[in-house]
């Protein structure tokens, strides 16, 4: 995990001990989702599973949506950097779209929860959603190259967001969405 994640949660810098608490809470949230799903997850139960007091958990996370969105943010931030200029742009873009679409695909409860949580309206979720959007935009921009058409970048962002909502609604799997996003990259970008 990068040092950025160890010291920077949504709202403030953390000591090593605090970062460990946040890590335990995010790991406990994933376990709670596996066992109880999004509707059954509470910050109180996550705190119990992580071995911390509920008040401590609420010190770091204002809501279950904030906590779940933090899980997605941490996974996205842990991805290796996008390589510049290796292979055709369409392949690099397809790779970026695939890796982001599959970020939580192996855990269906987490994937569905991330979709619901990131639509939340509390300020910490909005802050993380903005960071997530910027990070995905940066990854796509790097994959496209310096001379990328901004309209293509915007269209790819909309395609990605729509694909995740579509999968999050249960209309298809995240793995199928990754395939569809690859098809979109192939349609939009010349060889």
N, C-alpha and C. Protein backbone atom coordinates (compact mmCIF):
# COMPACT_ATOMS: atom_id res chain seq x y z
N UNK A 1 0.85 -1.17 0.00
CA UNK A 1 0.00 0.00 0.00
C UNK A 1 0.89 1.23 0.00
N UNK A 2 0.51 2.26 -0.72
CA UNK A 2 1.35 3.44 -0.82
C UNK A 2 1.38 4.20 0.48
N UNK A 3 2.43 4.99 0.69
CA UNK A 3 2.52 5.78 1.92
C UNK A 3 1.42 6.83 1.97
N UNK A 4 0.92 7.26 0.80
CA UNK A 4 -0.18 8.22 0.78
C UNK A 4 -1.39 7.66 1.51
N UNK A 5 -1.68 6.38 1.31
CA UNK A 5 -2.83 5.77 1.94
C UNK A 5 -2.63 5.61 3.43
N UNK A 6 -1.41 5.47 3.86
CA UNK A 6 -1.15 5.30 5.28
C UNK A 6 -1.30 6.61 6.04
N UNK A 7 -1.20 7.72 5.36
CA UNK A 7 -1.22 9.00 6.06
C UNK A 7 -2.35 9.91 5.67
N UNK A 8 -3.13 9.56 4.65
CA UNK A 8 -4.15 10.50 4.20
C UNK A 8 -5.50 9.82 4.02
N UNK A 9 -6.38 9.95 5.01
CA UNK A 9 -7.76 9.50 4.80
C UNK A 9 -8.52 10.63 4.14
N UNK A 10 -9.80 10.56 4.14
CA UNK A 10 -10.59 11.58 3.48
C UNK A 10 -10.33 12.97 4.04
N UNK A 11 -10.26 13.10 5.35
CA UNK A 11 -10.30 14.42 5.94
C UNK A 11 -9.02 14.92 6.59
N UNK A 12 -8.07 14.03 6.88
CA UNK A 12 -6.90 14.52 7.62
C UNK A 12 -5.75 13.54 7.53
N UNK A 13 -4.60 13.99 7.98
CA UNK A 13 -3.43 13.14 8.02
C UNK A 13 -3.51 12.27 9.27
N UNK A 14 -2.95 11.06 9.19
CA UNK A 14 -3.03 10.11 10.28
C UNK A 14 -1.66 9.71 10.79
N UNK A 15 -1.60 9.38 12.07
CA UNK A 15 -0.40 8.76 12.62
C UNK A 15 -0.40 7.30 12.18
N UNK A 16 0.68 6.60 12.42
CA UNK A 16 0.75 5.19 12.07
C UNK A 16 -0.33 4.37 12.78
N UNK A 17 -0.56 4.67 14.02
CA UNK A 17 -1.59 3.94 14.79
C UNK A 17 -2.99 4.22 14.23
N UNK A 18 -3.26 5.48 13.91
CA UNK A 18 -4.56 5.83 13.33
C UNK A 18 -4.74 5.18 11.96
N UNK A 19 -3.67 5.17 11.17
CA UNK A 19 -3.74 4.53 9.85
C UNK A 19 -4.05 3.04 10.00
N UNK A 20 -3.49 2.41 11.01
CA UNK A 20 -3.78 1.00 11.26
C UNK A 20 -5.26 0.81 11.61
N UNK A 21 -5.79 1.71 12.41
CA UNK A 21 -7.22 1.64 12.76
C UNK A 21 -8.09 1.78 11.52
N UNK A 22 -7.76 2.72 10.65
CA UNK A 22 -8.52 2.92 9.42
C UNK A 22 -8.41 1.68 8.53
N UNK A 23 -7.22 1.10 8.44
CA UNK A 23 -7.04 -0.13 7.66
C UNK A 23 -7.90 -1.25 8.22
N UNK A 24 -7.90 -1.42 9.53
CA UNK A 24 -8.72 -2.47 10.14
C UNK A 24 -10.20 -2.23 9.88
N UNK A 25 -10.63 -0.97 9.93
CA UNK A 25 -12.03 -0.66 9.67
C UNK A 25 -12.41 -0.95 8.22
N UNK A 26 -11.56 -0.59 7.28
CA UNK A 26 -11.90 -0.85 5.87
C UNK A 26 -11.90 -2.36 5.58
N UNK A 27 -10.98 -3.09 6.16
CA UNK A 27 -10.97 -4.55 5.99
C UNK A 27 -12.20 -5.18 6.64
N UNK A 28 -12.58 -4.69 7.82
CA UNK A 28 -13.77 -5.20 8.50
C UNK A 28 -15.03 -4.88 7.69
N UNK A 29 -15.05 -3.73 7.03
CA UNK A 29 -16.21 -3.37 6.21
C UNK A 29 -16.40 -4.36 5.08
N UNK A 30 -15.31 -4.77 4.44
CA UNK A 30 -15.40 -5.75 3.35
C UNK A 30 -15.93 -7.08 3.90
N UNK A 31 -15.44 -7.49 5.06
CA UNK A 31 -15.90 -8.75 5.66
C UNK A 31 -17.39 -8.65 6.03
N UNK A 32 -17.81 -7.52 6.56
CA UNK A 32 -19.23 -7.33 6.91
C UNK A 32 -20.10 -7.38 5.66
N UNK A 33 -19.62 -6.78 4.58
CA UNK A 33 -20.38 -6.83 3.33
C UNK A 33 -20.54 -8.26 2.83
N UNK A 34 -19.48 -9.03 2.93
CA UNK A 34 -19.56 -10.44 2.51
C UNK A 34 -20.63 -11.19 3.32
N UNK A 35 -20.65 -10.91 4.60
CA UNK A 35 -21.55 -11.64 5.50
C UNK A 35 -22.98 -11.10 5.52
N UNK A 36 -23.14 -9.79 5.38
CA UNK A 36 -24.46 -9.19 5.60
C UNK A 36 -24.97 -8.31 4.47
N UNK A 37 -24.15 -8.06 3.45
CA UNK A 37 -24.57 -7.20 2.35
C UNK A 37 -24.65 -5.75 2.75
N UNK A 38 -24.94 -4.92 1.77
CA UNK A 38 -24.99 -3.47 1.98
C UNK A 38 -26.06 -3.09 2.99
N UNK A 39 -27.25 -3.65 2.85
CA UNK A 39 -28.34 -3.27 3.75
C UNK A 39 -28.06 -3.67 5.19
N UNK A 40 -27.31 -4.75 5.41
CA UNK A 40 -27.02 -5.21 6.76
C UNK A 40 -25.79 -4.59 7.38
N UNK A 41 -25.03 -3.85 6.61
CA UNK A 41 -23.80 -3.25 7.13
C UNK A 41 -24.12 -2.01 7.95
N UNK A 42 -23.52 -1.93 9.13
CA UNK A 42 -23.58 -0.71 9.94
C UNK A 42 -22.17 -0.37 10.38
N UNK A 43 -21.91 0.89 10.62
CA UNK A 43 -20.60 1.31 11.11
C UNK A 43 -20.36 0.68 12.48
N UNK A 44 -21.37 0.55 13.28
CA UNK A 44 -21.26 -0.06 14.61
C UNK A 44 -20.76 -1.51 14.48
N UNK A 45 -21.35 -2.30 13.57
CA UNK A 45 -20.91 -3.69 13.40
C UNK A 45 -19.51 -3.78 12.81
N UNK A 46 -19.18 -2.87 11.92
CA UNK A 46 -17.82 -2.83 11.37
C UNK A 46 -16.84 -2.54 12.50
N UNK A 47 -17.17 -1.59 13.35
CA UNK A 47 -16.29 -1.25 14.47
C UNK A 47 -16.08 -2.46 15.37
N UNK A 48 -17.16 -3.16 15.68
CA UNK A 48 -17.05 -4.36 16.53
C UNK A 48 -16.10 -5.38 15.88
N UNK A 49 -16.29 -5.61 14.60
CA UNK A 49 -15.45 -6.59 13.88
C UNK A 49 -13.99 -6.13 13.86
N UNK A 50 -13.75 -4.84 13.76
CA UNK A 50 -12.39 -4.30 13.71
C UNK A 50 -11.76 -4.19 15.09
N UNK A 51 -12.56 -4.40 16.15
CA UNK A 51 -12.03 -4.32 17.50
C UNK A 51 -11.84 -2.90 18.00
N UNK A 52 -12.68 -1.99 17.51
CA UNK A 52 -12.61 -0.60 17.99
C UNK A 52 -13.99 -0.16 18.45
N UNK A 53 -14.02 0.89 19.24
CA UNK A 53 -15.29 1.43 19.71
C UNK A 53 -16.03 2.10 18.55
N UNK A 54 -17.36 2.04 18.57
CA UNK A 54 -18.13 2.73 17.51
C UNK A 54 -17.77 4.21 17.40
N UNK A 55 -17.55 4.87 18.52
CA UNK A 55 -17.19 6.29 18.47
C UNK A 55 -15.88 6.49 17.72
N UNK A 56 -14.96 5.56 17.88
CA UNK A 56 -13.69 5.63 17.15
C UNK A 56 -13.94 5.50 15.66
N UNK A 57 -14.77 4.56 15.29
CA UNK A 57 -15.08 4.38 13.86
C UNK A 57 -15.69 5.64 13.28
N UNK A 58 -16.61 6.25 14.03
CA UNK A 58 -17.25 7.47 13.53
C UNK A 58 -16.29 8.66 13.51
N UNK A 59 -15.19 8.56 14.23
CA UNK A 59 -14.17 9.61 14.15
C UNK A 59 -13.58 9.66 12.75
N UNK A 60 -13.48 8.48 12.10
CA UNK A 60 -12.87 8.38 10.79
C UNK A 60 -13.88 8.36 9.65
N UNK A 61 -15.05 7.81 9.89
CA UNK A 61 -16.04 7.63 8.83
C UNK A 61 -17.40 8.14 9.30
N UNK A 62 -17.95 9.08 8.57
CA UNK A 62 -19.21 9.71 8.97
C UNK A 62 -20.43 8.85 8.67
N UNK A 63 -20.27 7.86 7.80
CA UNK A 63 -21.41 7.03 7.41
C UNK A 63 -20.91 5.73 6.79
N UNK A 64 -21.80 4.78 6.61
CA UNK A 64 -21.39 3.55 5.93
C UNK A 64 -21.03 3.84 4.48
N UNK A 65 -21.69 4.80 3.85
CA UNK A 65 -21.34 5.16 2.48
C UNK A 65 -19.92 5.72 2.40
N UNK A 66 -19.56 6.51 3.38
CA UNK A 66 -18.21 7.07 3.44
C UNK A 66 -17.20 5.93 3.58
N UNK A 67 -17.46 4.99 4.46
CA UNK A 67 -16.58 3.86 4.71
C UNK A 67 -16.41 3.00 3.45
N UNK A 68 -17.50 2.69 2.79
CA UNK A 68 -17.44 1.84 1.59
C UNK A 68 -16.74 2.57 0.45
N UNK A 69 -17.02 3.84 0.30
CA UNK A 69 -16.35 4.61 -0.75
C UNK A 69 -14.85 4.69 -0.49
N UNK A 70 -14.47 4.77 0.77
CA UNK A 70 -13.05 4.75 1.14
C UNK A 70 -12.41 3.42 0.71
N UNK A 71 -13.12 2.31 0.85
CA UNK A 71 -12.59 1.01 0.41
C UNK A 71 -12.28 1.07 -1.09
N UNK A 72 -13.23 1.59 -1.87
CA UNK A 72 -13.00 1.68 -3.32
C UNK A 72 -11.82 2.60 -3.62
N UNK A 73 -11.76 3.75 -2.96
CA UNK A 73 -10.68 4.71 -3.17
C UNK A 73 -9.33 4.06 -2.89
N UNK A 74 -9.23 3.33 -1.81
CA UNK A 74 -7.97 2.69 -1.46
C UNK A 74 -7.56 1.65 -2.50
N UNK A 75 -8.51 0.90 -3.00
CA UNK A 75 -8.19 -0.10 -4.02
C UNK A 75 -7.76 0.57 -5.32
N UNK A 76 -8.46 1.63 -5.69
CA UNK A 76 -8.09 2.36 -6.90
C UNK A 76 -6.69 2.96 -6.74
N UNK A 77 -6.41 3.54 -5.60
CA UNK A 77 -5.12 4.19 -5.35
C UNK A 77 -3.97 3.18 -5.31
N UNK A 78 -4.27 1.94 -5.02
CA UNK A 78 -3.24 0.91 -4.93
C UNK A 78 -2.85 0.34 -6.30
N UNK A 79 -3.60 0.69 -7.36
CA UNK A 79 -3.26 0.19 -8.70
C UNK A 79 -1.90 0.74 -9.13
N UNK A 80 -1.14 -0.05 -9.87
CA UNK A 80 0.13 0.46 -10.38
C UNK A 80 -0.11 1.59 -11.38
N UNK A 81 0.86 2.47 -11.54
CA UNK A 81 0.69 3.57 -12.50
C UNK A 81 0.50 3.05 -13.92
N UNK A 82 -0.19 3.85 -14.73
CA UNK A 82 -0.39 3.53 -16.14
C UNK A 82 0.91 3.82 -16.87
N UNK A 83 1.32 2.87 -17.71
CA UNK A 83 2.54 3.05 -18.50
C UNK A 83 2.26 4.00 -19.66
N UNK A 84 3.13 4.94 -19.87
CA UNK A 84 3.01 5.87 -21.00
C UNK A 84 3.63 5.26 -22.25
N UNK A 85 2.91 5.38 -23.35
CA UNK A 85 3.47 5.06 -24.65
C UNK A 85 3.88 3.64 -24.92
N UNK A 86 3.38 2.67 -24.17
CA UNK A 86 3.71 1.28 -24.47
C UNK A 86 2.52 0.64 -25.18
N UNK A 87 2.68 0.40 -26.47
CA UNK A 87 1.60 -0.20 -27.25
C UNK A 87 0.61 0.84 -27.73
N UNK A 88 -0.36 0.39 -28.54
CA UNK A 88 -1.37 1.31 -29.06
C UNK A 88 -2.25 1.89 -27.95
N UNK A 89 -2.69 3.13 -28.16
CA UNK A 89 -3.54 3.80 -27.17
C UNK A 89 -4.79 3.00 -26.86
N UNK A 90 -5.39 2.39 -27.87
CA UNK A 90 -6.64 1.64 -27.63
C UNK A 90 -6.39 0.49 -26.67
N UNK A 91 -5.22 -0.15 -26.75
CA UNK A 91 -4.90 -1.24 -25.83
C UNK A 91 -4.66 -0.72 -24.42
N UNK A 92 -3.97 0.41 -24.32
CA UNK A 92 -3.72 1.00 -23.00
C UNK A 92 -5.03 1.43 -22.36
N UNK A 93 -5.91 2.07 -23.13
CA UNK A 93 -7.21 2.52 -22.62
C UNK A 93 -8.06 1.32 -22.21
N UNK A 94 -8.10 0.31 -23.05
CA UNK A 94 -8.88 -0.89 -22.72
C UNK A 94 -8.37 -1.51 -21.43
N UNK A 95 -7.07 -1.51 -21.24
CA UNK A 95 -6.47 -2.06 -20.02
C UNK A 95 -6.88 -1.26 -18.79
N UNK A 96 -6.85 0.06 -18.91
CA UNK A 96 -7.25 0.93 -17.79
C UNK A 96 -8.73 0.70 -17.45
N UNK A 97 -9.57 0.70 -18.47
CA UNK A 97 -11.00 0.50 -18.23
C UNK A 97 -11.26 -0.86 -17.60
N UNK A 98 -10.58 -1.87 -18.08
CA UNK A 98 -10.76 -3.23 -17.55
C UNK A 98 -10.34 -3.30 -16.09
N UNK A 99 -9.16 -2.78 -15.76
CA UNK A 99 -8.68 -2.90 -14.39
C UNK A 99 -9.58 -2.14 -13.42
N UNK A 100 -10.09 -1.00 -13.82
CA UNK A 100 -10.96 -0.23 -12.93
C UNK A 100 -12.33 -0.90 -12.80
N UNK A 101 -12.84 -1.45 -13.90
CA UNK A 101 -14.13 -2.13 -13.84
C UNK A 101 -14.04 -3.39 -12.99
N UNK A 102 -12.88 -4.03 -12.99
CA UNK A 102 -12.73 -5.28 -12.24
C UNK A 102 -12.21 -5.08 -10.81
N UNK A 103 -12.03 -3.84 -10.41
CA UNK A 103 -11.45 -3.52 -9.10
C UNK A 103 -12.14 -4.24 -7.95
N UNK A 104 -13.44 -4.36 -8.00
CA UNK A 104 -14.20 -5.01 -6.93
C UNK A 104 -15.06 -6.15 -7.46
N UNK A 105 -14.82 -6.55 -8.70
CA UNK A 105 -15.71 -7.52 -9.35
C UNK A 105 -15.69 -8.90 -8.73
N UNK A 106 -14.61 -9.26 -8.08
CA UNK A 106 -14.55 -10.60 -7.49
C UNK A 106 -15.31 -10.69 -6.17
N UNK A 107 -15.86 -9.57 -5.72
CA UNK A 107 -16.65 -9.53 -4.49
C UNK A 107 -17.98 -8.85 -4.79
N UNK A 108 -18.98 -9.60 -5.23
CA UNK A 108 -20.24 -9.01 -5.69
C UNK A 108 -20.92 -8.09 -4.67
N UNK A 109 -20.88 -8.46 -3.40
CA UNK A 109 -21.51 -7.62 -2.38
C UNK A 109 -20.79 -6.28 -2.27
N UNK A 110 -19.47 -6.32 -2.32
CA UNK A 110 -18.69 -5.08 -2.26
C UNK A 110 -18.94 -4.25 -3.51
N UNK A 111 -18.97 -4.88 -4.66
CA UNK A 111 -19.19 -4.15 -5.90
C UNK A 111 -20.52 -3.42 -5.88
N UNK A 112 -21.58 -4.11 -5.49
CA UNK A 112 -22.91 -3.49 -5.43
C UNK A 112 -22.92 -2.38 -4.39
N UNK A 113 -22.26 -2.62 -3.25
CA UNK A 113 -22.22 -1.60 -2.20
C UNK A 113 -21.47 -0.36 -2.66
N UNK A 114 -20.38 -0.55 -3.39
CA UNK A 114 -19.62 0.60 -3.89
C UNK A 114 -20.47 1.46 -4.81
N UNK A 115 -21.22 0.81 -5.67
CA UNK A 115 -22.09 1.57 -6.58
C UNK A 115 -23.09 2.40 -5.79
N UNK A 116 -23.74 1.79 -4.81
CA UNK A 116 -24.73 2.51 -3.99
C UNK A 116 -24.07 3.59 -3.15
N UNK A 117 -22.96 3.26 -2.52
CA UNK A 117 -22.30 4.19 -1.60
C UNK A 117 -21.79 5.44 -2.31
N UNK A 118 -21.22 5.25 -3.51
CA UNK A 118 -20.63 6.39 -4.20
C UNK A 118 -21.67 7.38 -4.72
N UNK A 119 -22.92 6.99 -4.69
CA UNK A 119 -23.98 7.91 -5.06
C UNK A 119 -24.48 8.71 -3.86
N UNK A 120 -23.90 8.46 -2.69
CA UNK A 120 -24.30 9.15 -1.46
C UNK A 120 -24.04 10.64 -1.54
N UNK A 121 -24.72 11.36 -0.68
CA UNK A 121 -24.65 12.83 -0.74
C UNK A 121 -23.86 13.47 0.39
N UNK A 122 -23.36 12.68 1.33
CA UNK A 122 -22.65 13.34 2.43
C UNK A 122 -21.32 13.90 1.94
N UNK A 123 -20.82 14.94 2.59
CA UNK A 123 -19.63 15.65 2.09
C UNK A 123 -18.40 14.77 1.91
N UNK A 124 -18.18 13.82 2.80
CA UNK A 124 -17.00 12.97 2.67
C UNK A 124 -17.11 12.04 1.46
N UNK A 125 -18.30 11.57 1.17
CA UNK A 125 -18.51 10.76 -0.03
C UNK A 125 -18.28 11.62 -1.27
N UNK A 126 -18.82 12.82 -1.27
CA UNK A 126 -18.61 13.73 -2.41
C UNK A 126 -17.12 13.99 -2.64
N UNK A 127 -16.37 14.20 -1.56
CA UNK A 127 -14.93 14.44 -1.66
C UNK A 127 -14.23 13.23 -2.27
N UNK A 128 -14.54 12.05 -1.77
CA UNK A 128 -13.92 10.83 -2.31
C UNK A 128 -14.36 10.59 -3.75
N UNK A 129 -15.62 10.82 -4.04
CA UNK A 129 -16.11 10.64 -5.42
C UNK A 129 -15.35 11.55 -6.37
N UNK A 130 -15.07 12.76 -5.94
CA UNK A 130 -14.30 13.68 -6.77
C UNK A 130 -12.87 13.16 -6.96
N UNK A 131 -12.25 12.67 -5.89
CA UNK A 131 -10.90 12.11 -6.00
C UNK A 131 -10.89 10.91 -6.94
N UNK A 132 -11.89 10.05 -6.79
CA UNK A 132 -11.99 8.87 -7.64
C UNK A 132 -12.12 9.29 -9.10
N UNK A 133 -12.99 10.26 -9.37
CA UNK A 133 -13.17 10.75 -10.74
C UNK A 133 -11.89 11.32 -11.31
N UNK A 134 -11.18 12.10 -10.52
CA UNK A 134 -9.92 12.69 -10.97
C UNK A 134 -8.89 11.59 -11.24
N UNK A 135 -8.81 10.60 -10.36
CA UNK A 135 -7.83 9.53 -10.54
C UNK A 135 -8.13 8.71 -11.80
N UNK A 136 -9.40 8.42 -12.03
CA UNK A 136 -9.76 7.66 -13.23
C UNK A 136 -9.48 8.49 -14.48
N UNK A 137 -9.80 9.78 -14.42
CA UNK A 137 -9.51 10.67 -15.55
C UNK A 137 -8.01 10.70 -15.83
N UNK A 138 -7.18 10.80 -14.79
CA UNK A 138 -5.73 10.81 -14.96
C UNK A 138 -5.25 9.52 -15.60
N UNK A 139 -5.78 8.39 -15.17
CA UNK A 139 -5.38 7.10 -15.72
C UNK A 139 -5.76 7.01 -17.20
N UNK A 140 -6.97 7.45 -17.52
CA UNK A 140 -7.41 7.42 -18.92
C UNK A 140 -6.61 8.40 -19.76
N UNK A 141 -6.36 9.59 -19.24
CA UNK A 141 -5.59 10.59 -19.99
C UNK A 141 -4.18 10.07 -20.28
N UNK A 142 -3.56 9.44 -19.29
CA UNK A 142 -2.23 8.88 -19.50
C UNK A 142 -2.27 7.79 -20.57
N UNK A 143 -3.29 6.92 -20.49
CA UNK A 143 -3.42 5.84 -21.47
C UNK A 143 -3.66 6.38 -22.88
N UNK A 144 -4.43 7.45 -22.99
CA UNK A 144 -4.72 8.04 -24.30
C UNK A 144 -3.50 8.72 -24.92
N UNK A 145 -2.67 9.30 -24.09
CA UNK A 145 -1.50 10.03 -24.59
C UNK A 145 -1.74 11.52 -24.55
N UNK A 146 -0.66 12.27 -24.73
CA UNK A 146 -0.69 13.72 -24.57
C UNK A 146 -1.56 14.44 -25.60
N UNK A 147 -1.73 13.87 -26.76
CA UNK A 147 -2.49 14.56 -27.81
C UNK A 147 -3.94 14.06 -27.90
N UNK A 148 -4.45 13.55 -26.79
CA UNK A 148 -5.80 12.97 -26.78
C UNK A 148 -6.88 14.03 -26.99
N UNK A 149 -7.89 13.66 -27.71
CA UNK A 149 -9.06 14.50 -27.92
C UNK A 149 -9.84 14.53 -26.61
N UNK A 150 -10.08 15.70 -26.02
CA UNK A 150 -10.80 15.78 -24.75
C UNK A 150 -12.22 15.20 -24.84
N UNK A 151 -12.81 15.23 -26.03
CA UNK A 151 -14.15 14.65 -26.19
C UNK A 151 -14.11 13.13 -26.03
N UNK A 152 -13.05 12.51 -26.50
CA UNK A 152 -12.90 11.06 -26.34
C UNK A 152 -12.71 10.74 -24.86
N UNK A 153 -11.88 11.51 -24.19
CA UNK A 153 -11.67 11.30 -22.76
C UNK A 153 -13.00 11.42 -22.01
N UNK A 154 -13.77 12.44 -22.31
CA UNK A 154 -15.07 12.63 -21.66
C UNK A 154 -16.03 11.48 -21.95
N UNK A 155 -16.04 11.03 -23.18
CA UNK A 155 -16.92 9.92 -23.56
C UNK A 155 -16.51 8.63 -22.84
N UNK A 156 -15.22 8.41 -22.70
CA UNK A 156 -14.75 7.22 -21.98
C UNK A 156 -15.13 7.27 -20.50
N UNK A 157 -15.04 8.45 -19.92
CA UNK A 157 -15.45 8.61 -18.51
C UNK A 157 -16.93 8.31 -18.33
N UNK A 158 -17.74 8.82 -19.24
CA UNK A 158 -19.18 8.57 -19.16
C UNK A 158 -19.48 7.09 -19.40
N UNK A 159 -18.80 6.48 -20.33
CA UNK A 159 -18.99 5.05 -20.59
C UNK A 159 -18.65 4.24 -19.34
N UNK A 160 -17.54 4.57 -18.70
CA UNK A 160 -17.13 3.85 -17.48
C UNK A 160 -18.17 4.02 -16.38
N UNK A 161 -18.57 5.26 -16.12
CA UNK A 161 -19.55 5.51 -15.05
C UNK A 161 -20.86 4.80 -15.33
N UNK A 162 -21.32 4.88 -16.56
CA UNK A 162 -22.56 4.19 -16.93
C UNK A 162 -22.45 2.68 -16.79
N UNK A 163 -21.29 2.14 -17.15
CA UNK A 163 -21.07 0.70 -17.05
C UNK A 163 -21.14 0.24 -15.60
N UNK A 164 -20.53 1.01 -14.70
CA UNK A 164 -20.56 0.62 -13.29
C UNK A 164 -21.97 0.71 -12.70
N UNK A 165 -22.70 1.73 -13.08
CA UNK A 165 -24.08 1.83 -12.60
C UNK A 165 -24.90 0.67 -13.15
N UNK A 166 -24.72 0.37 -14.43
CA UNK A 166 -25.44 -0.73 -15.07
C UNK A 166 -25.15 -2.06 -14.34
N UNK A 167 -23.89 -2.33 -14.07
CA UNK A 167 -23.53 -3.55 -13.35
C UNK A 167 -24.01 -3.49 -11.91
N UNK A 168 -23.90 -2.32 -11.28
CA UNK A 168 -24.34 -2.17 -9.90
C UNK A 168 -25.83 -2.39 -9.72
N UNK A 169 -26.59 -2.13 -10.76
CA UNK A 169 -28.03 -2.35 -10.72
C UNK A 169 -28.37 -3.82 -10.94
N UNK A 170 -27.34 -4.63 -11.23
CA UNK A 170 -27.55 -6.05 -11.40
C UNK A 170 -27.96 -6.46 -12.79
N UNK A 171 -27.86 -5.56 -13.77
CA UNK A 171 -28.25 -5.89 -15.14
C UNK A 171 -27.24 -6.80 -15.83
N UNK A 172 -26.02 -6.77 -15.35
CA UNK A 172 -24.97 -7.63 -15.91
C UNK A 172 -23.84 -7.72 -14.89
N UNK A 173 -22.88 -8.56 -15.15
CA UNK A 173 -21.77 -8.72 -14.22
C UNK A 173 -20.70 -7.66 -14.48
N UNK A 174 -19.87 -7.43 -13.49
CA UNK A 174 -18.76 -6.50 -13.65
C UNK A 174 -17.76 -7.05 -14.66
N UNK A 175 -17.60 -8.37 -14.71
CA UNK A 175 -16.70 -8.96 -15.70
C UNK A 175 -17.22 -8.70 -17.11
N UNK A 176 -18.51 -8.83 -17.31
CA UNK A 176 -19.09 -8.55 -18.64
C UNK A 176 -18.94 -7.06 -18.96
N UNK A 177 -19.09 -6.21 -17.96
CA UNK A 177 -18.92 -4.77 -18.19
C UNK A 177 -17.48 -4.48 -18.60
N UNK A 178 -16.51 -5.17 -18.02
CA UNK A 178 -15.11 -4.97 -18.42
C UNK A 178 -14.93 -5.31 -19.89
N UNK A 179 -15.59 -6.40 -20.32
CA UNK A 179 -15.53 -6.77 -21.75
C UNK A 179 -16.19 -5.70 -22.61
N UNK A 180 -17.32 -5.21 -22.19
CA UNK A 180 -18.03 -4.17 -22.96
C UNK A 180 -17.20 -2.89 -23.04
N UNK A 181 -16.54 -2.52 -21.95
CA UNK A 181 -15.71 -1.32 -21.97
C UNK A 181 -14.52 -1.50 -22.92
N UNK A 182 -14.00 -2.69 -23.01
CA UNK A 182 -12.94 -2.97 -23.98
C UNK A 182 -13.47 -2.76 -25.39
N UNK A 183 -14.67 -3.23 -25.65
CA UNK A 183 -15.30 -3.04 -26.96
C UNK A 183 -15.48 -1.56 -27.26
N UNK A 184 -15.89 -0.79 -26.27
CA UNK A 184 -16.08 0.66 -26.45
C UNK A 184 -14.75 1.32 -26.80
N UNK A 185 -13.68 0.95 -26.09
CA UNK A 185 -12.36 1.52 -26.39
C UNK A 185 -11.96 1.20 -27.83
N UNK A 186 -12.25 -0.03 -28.26
CA UNK A 186 -11.91 -0.43 -29.63
C UNK A 186 -12.71 0.35 -30.66
N UNK A 187 -13.98 0.64 -30.34
CA UNK A 187 -14.83 1.42 -31.26
C UNK A 187 -14.37 2.88 -31.35
N UNK A 188 -13.96 3.43 -30.23
CA UNK A 188 -13.66 4.87 -30.17
C UNK A 188 -12.25 5.24 -30.64
N UNK A 189 -11.34 4.28 -30.54
CA UNK A 189 -9.94 4.61 -30.82
C UNK A 189 -9.43 3.86 -32.04
N UNK A 190 -8.77 4.55 -32.92
CA UNK A 190 -8.21 3.88 -34.10
C UNK A 190 -7.03 2.98 -33.70
N UNK A 191 -6.73 2.05 -34.56
CA UNK A 191 -5.58 1.16 -34.29
C UNK A 191 -4.29 1.87 -34.49
